[in-house]
Amino acid sequence: MGLGGLHIWHLLIILGIVIVIFGTKRLKTLGSDLGGAIKGFRKAMDQDDKGAAKPDEQKRLEADAGDADFAESKDKERHT
């Protein structure tokens, strides 16, 4: 017996359908994107546990925030 009544053959058929629909290239990029997101989440959680970020990382985070503020101000200018 498999997971919740699903046998290995059911899982293989589902996997085959997913590969036919999405293709292996898209699944590969999806997997790498998901892995990167999990890695970033873990890194953020570690930084939160340690307190403040390291000075290099703090500068990078501030620069990223500045870029986001700049983009928001440009969007507001376009809509007014």
N, C-alpha and C. Protein backbone atom coordinates (compact mmCIF):
# COMPACT_ATOMS: atom_id res chain seq x y z
N MET A 1 0.84 -1.17 0.00
CA MET A 1 0.00 0.00 0.00
C MET A 1 0.89 1.24 0.00
N GLY A 2 0.47 2.28 -0.65
CA GLY A 2 1.24 3.50 -0.76
C GLY A 2 0.73 4.59 0.16
N LEU A 3 0.88 5.78 -0.29
CA LEU A 3 0.46 6.96 0.48
C LEU A 3 -1.05 7.16 0.35
N GLY A 4 -1.78 6.96 1.43
CA GLY A 4 -3.21 7.21 1.42
C GLY A 4 -3.97 6.40 0.39
N GLY A 5 -3.57 5.17 0.17
CA GLY A 5 -4.25 4.33 -0.80
C GLY A 5 -3.68 4.42 -2.20
N LEU A 6 -2.69 5.28 -2.43
CA LEU A 6 -2.07 5.39 -3.75
C LEU A 6 -0.92 4.39 -3.86
N HIS A 7 -0.95 3.60 -4.88
CA HIS A 7 0.12 2.65 -5.13
C HIS A 7 1.20 3.31 -5.97
N ILE A 8 2.35 2.65 -6.08
CA ILE A 8 3.46 3.20 -6.85
C ILE A 8 3.05 3.42 -8.31
N TRP A 9 2.18 2.57 -8.84
CA TRP A 9 1.75 2.73 -10.23
C TRP A 9 0.91 4.00 -10.41
N HIS A 10 0.11 4.33 -9.42
CA HIS A 10 -0.67 5.58 -9.49
C HIS A 10 0.26 6.78 -9.52
N LEU A 11 1.28 6.74 -8.65
CA LEU A 11 2.22 7.86 -8.59
C LEU A 11 3.01 7.98 -9.89
N LEU A 12 3.39 6.85 -10.49
CA LEU A 12 4.12 6.89 -11.76
C LEU A 12 3.26 7.44 -12.89
N ILE A 13 1.99 7.09 -12.91
CA ILE A 13 1.07 7.62 -13.93
C ILE A 13 0.90 9.12 -13.76
N ILE A 14 0.75 9.59 -12.52
CA ILE A 14 0.63 11.03 -12.26
C ILE A 14 1.90 11.75 -12.68
N LEU A 15 3.06 11.17 -12.36
CA LEU A 15 4.34 11.76 -12.76
C LEU A 15 4.44 11.85 -14.28
N GLY A 16 4.03 10.81 -14.98
CA GLY A 16 4.05 10.82 -16.44
C GLY A 16 3.17 11.90 -17.02
N ILE A 17 1.99 12.07 -16.46
CA ILE A 17 1.08 13.11 -16.95
C ILE A 17 1.67 14.50 -16.72
N VAL A 18 2.26 14.71 -15.55
CA VAL A 18 2.88 16.01 -15.24
C VAL A 18 4.03 16.30 -16.20
N ILE A 19 4.84 15.28 -16.52
CA ILE A 19 5.95 15.47 -17.45
C ILE A 19 5.43 15.79 -18.85
N VAL A 20 4.36 15.13 -19.26
CA VAL A 20 3.79 15.41 -20.59
C VAL A 20 3.24 16.82 -20.65
N ILE A 21 2.58 17.26 -19.59
CA ILE A 21 1.96 18.59 -19.59
C ILE A 21 3.01 19.70 -19.52
N PHE A 22 3.95 19.58 -18.57
CA PHE A 22 4.89 20.68 -18.33
C PHE A 22 6.22 20.52 -19.04
N GLY A 23 6.64 19.31 -19.31
CA GLY A 23 7.94 19.09 -19.93
C GLY A 23 9.04 19.06 -18.88
N THR A 24 10.11 18.38 -19.22
CA THR A 24 11.19 18.20 -18.24
C THR A 24 11.96 19.49 -18.00
N LYS A 25 12.09 20.33 -19.01
CA LYS A 25 12.86 21.57 -18.85
C LYS A 25 12.19 22.51 -17.85
N ARG A 26 10.88 22.66 -17.97
CA ARG A 26 10.15 23.54 -17.05
C ARG A 26 10.16 22.97 -15.63
N LEU A 27 10.05 21.64 -15.51
CA LEU A 27 10.10 21.03 -14.18
C LEU A 27 11.47 21.22 -13.53
N LYS A 28 12.53 21.18 -14.36
CA LYS A 28 13.88 21.40 -13.83
C LYS A 28 14.02 22.82 -13.30
N THR A 29 13.55 23.80 -14.05
CA THR A 29 13.66 25.19 -13.58
C THR A 29 12.76 25.42 -12.37
N LEU A 30 11.60 24.78 -12.37
CA LEU A 30 10.71 24.90 -11.21
C LEU A 30 11.37 24.34 -9.96
N GLY A 31 12.03 23.19 -10.11
CA GLY A 31 12.73 22.59 -8.97
C GLY A 31 13.87 23.45 -8.47
N SER A 32 14.63 24.03 -9.39
CA SER A 32 15.75 24.88 -8.95
C SER A 32 15.23 26.18 -8.32
N ASP A 33 14.15 26.73 -8.83
CA ASP A 33 13.56 27.92 -8.23
C ASP A 33 13.03 27.63 -6.83
N LEU A 34 12.39 26.49 -6.69
CA LEU A 34 11.87 26.09 -5.37
C LEU A 34 13.02 25.88 -4.39
N GLY A 35 14.09 25.24 -4.85
CA GLY A 35 15.26 25.04 -3.99
C GLY A 35 15.88 26.36 -3.57
N GLY A 36 15.98 27.30 -4.50
CA GLY A 36 16.53 28.62 -4.16
C GLY A 36 15.67 29.37 -3.17
N ALA A 37 14.35 29.23 -3.32
CA ALA A 37 13.44 29.89 -2.39
C ALA A 37 13.57 29.30 -0.98
N ILE A 38 13.70 27.99 -0.90
CA ILE A 38 13.86 27.35 0.41
C ILE A 38 15.18 27.76 1.04
N LYS A 39 16.23 27.82 0.23
CA LYS A 39 17.54 28.23 0.74
C LYS A 39 17.49 29.66 1.25
N GLY A 40 16.83 30.55 0.51
CA GLY A 40 16.71 31.94 0.96
C GLY A 40 15.89 32.05 2.23
N PHE A 41 14.84 31.25 2.34
CA PHE A 41 14.02 31.25 3.54
C PHE A 41 14.83 30.80 4.75
N ARG A 42 15.59 29.73 4.58
CA ARG A 42 16.43 29.24 5.69
C ARG A 42 17.46 30.29 6.10
N LYS A 43 18.06 30.94 5.11
CA LYS A 43 19.06 31.96 5.40
C LYS A 43 18.43 33.13 6.18
N ALA A 44 17.23 33.53 5.77
CA ALA A 44 16.53 34.61 6.47
C ALA A 44 16.18 34.20 7.89
N MET A 45 15.77 32.96 8.08
CA MET A 45 15.45 32.48 9.42
C MET A 45 16.69 32.45 10.31
N ASP A 46 17.82 32.04 9.75
CA ASP A 46 19.07 32.04 10.51
C ASP A 46 19.47 33.46 10.91
N GLN A 47 19.30 34.41 9.99
CA GLN A 47 19.62 35.80 10.30
C GLN A 47 18.71 36.33 11.39
N ASP A 48 17.45 35.95 11.35
CA ASP A 48 16.50 36.40 12.35
C ASP A 48 16.86 35.83 13.72
N ASP A 49 17.31 34.58 13.75
CA ASP A 49 17.71 33.96 15.01
C ASP A 49 18.96 34.63 15.58
N LYS A 50 19.87 35.05 14.72
CA LYS A 50 21.12 35.66 15.18
C LYS A 50 20.94 37.13 15.54
N GLY A 51 19.86 37.71 15.14
CA GLY A 51 19.63 39.14 15.40
C GLY A 51 19.82 39.93 14.12
N ALA A 52 20.65 40.94 14.18
CA ALA A 52 20.89 41.80 13.01
C ALA A 52 21.74 41.07 11.99
N ALA A 53 21.60 41.47 10.74
CA ALA A 53 22.38 40.89 9.66
C ALA A 53 23.82 41.38 9.75
N LYS A 54 24.71 40.69 9.09
CA LYS A 54 26.11 41.11 9.02
C LYS A 54 26.18 42.43 8.26
N PRO A 55 27.24 43.22 8.48
CA PRO A 55 27.31 44.54 7.82
C PRO A 55 27.22 44.46 6.30
N ASP A 56 27.90 43.49 5.66
CA ASP A 56 27.83 43.38 4.20
C ASP A 56 26.42 43.07 3.75
N GLU A 57 25.77 42.16 4.42
CA GLU A 57 24.42 41.78 4.06
C GLU A 57 23.45 42.92 4.34
N GLN A 58 23.69 43.66 5.42
CA GLN A 58 22.83 44.79 5.76
C GLN A 58 22.88 45.85 4.67
N LYS A 59 24.10 46.12 4.14
CA LYS A 59 24.23 47.10 3.06
C LYS A 59 23.47 46.64 1.82
N ARG A 60 23.57 45.34 1.51
CA ARG A 60 22.89 44.81 0.34
C ARG A 60 21.38 44.90 0.52
N LEU A 61 20.90 44.59 1.73
CA LEU A 61 19.47 44.66 1.99
C LEU A 61 18.96 46.09 1.89
N GLU A 62 19.74 47.04 2.38
CA GLU A 62 19.34 48.44 2.29
C GLU A 62 19.31 48.90 0.84
N ALA A 63 20.29 48.43 0.04
CA ALA A 63 20.31 48.80 -1.38
C ALA A 63 19.10 48.23 -2.10
N ASP A 64 18.74 46.98 -1.77
CA ASP A 64 17.56 46.37 -2.38
C ASP A 64 16.30 47.14 -1.99
N ALA A 65 16.21 47.56 -0.75
CA ALA A 65 15.05 48.33 -0.30
C ALA A 65 14.99 49.67 -1.01
N GLY A 66 16.15 50.29 -1.23
CA GLY A 66 16.20 51.56 -1.95
C GLY A 66 15.73 51.40 -3.38
N ASP A 67 16.10 50.29 -4.02
CA ASP A 67 15.66 50.03 -5.39
C ASP A 67 14.14 49.86 -5.43
N ALA A 68 13.59 49.21 -4.43
CA ALA A 68 12.13 49.01 -4.39
C ALA A 68 11.43 50.35 -4.19
N ASP A 69 11.98 51.22 -3.32
CA ASP A 69 11.38 52.54 -3.11
C ASP A 69 11.44 53.37 -4.39
N PHE A 70 12.56 53.27 -5.12
CA PHE A 70 12.71 53.99 -6.37
C PHE A 70 11.67 53.53 -7.38
N ALA A 71 11.47 52.22 -7.47
CA ALA A 71 10.49 51.67 -8.41
C ALA A 71 9.08 52.12 -8.04
N GLU A 72 8.77 52.16 -6.75
CA GLU A 72 7.45 52.61 -6.32
C GLU A 72 7.22 54.07 -6.69
N SER A 73 8.24 54.91 -6.52
CA SER A 73 8.07 56.34 -6.84
C SER A 73 7.88 56.52 -8.34
N LYS A 74 8.56 55.71 -9.15
CA LYS A 74 8.38 55.80 -10.60
C LYS A 74 6.97 55.38 -11.01
N ASP A 75 6.44 54.33 -10.35
CA ASP A 75 5.08 53.88 -10.64
C ASP A 75 4.07 54.97 -10.28
N LYS A 76 4.28 55.63 -9.15
CA LYS A 76 3.36 56.69 -8.74
C LYS A 76 3.39 57.85 -9.71
N GLU A 77 4.58 58.18 -10.24
CA GLU A 77 4.70 59.28 -11.21
C GLU A 77 3.94 58.95 -12.49
N ARG A 78 3.98 57.69 -12.90
CA ARG A 78 3.31 57.30 -14.14
C ARG A 78 1.79 57.37 -13.99
N HIS A 79 1.30 57.06 -12.81
CA HIS A 79 -0.16 57.03 -12.60
C HIS A 79 -0.76 58.39 -12.27
N THR A 80 0.07 59.39 -12.04
CA THR A 80 -0.48 60.70 -11.71
C THR A 80 -0.52 61.61 -12.90
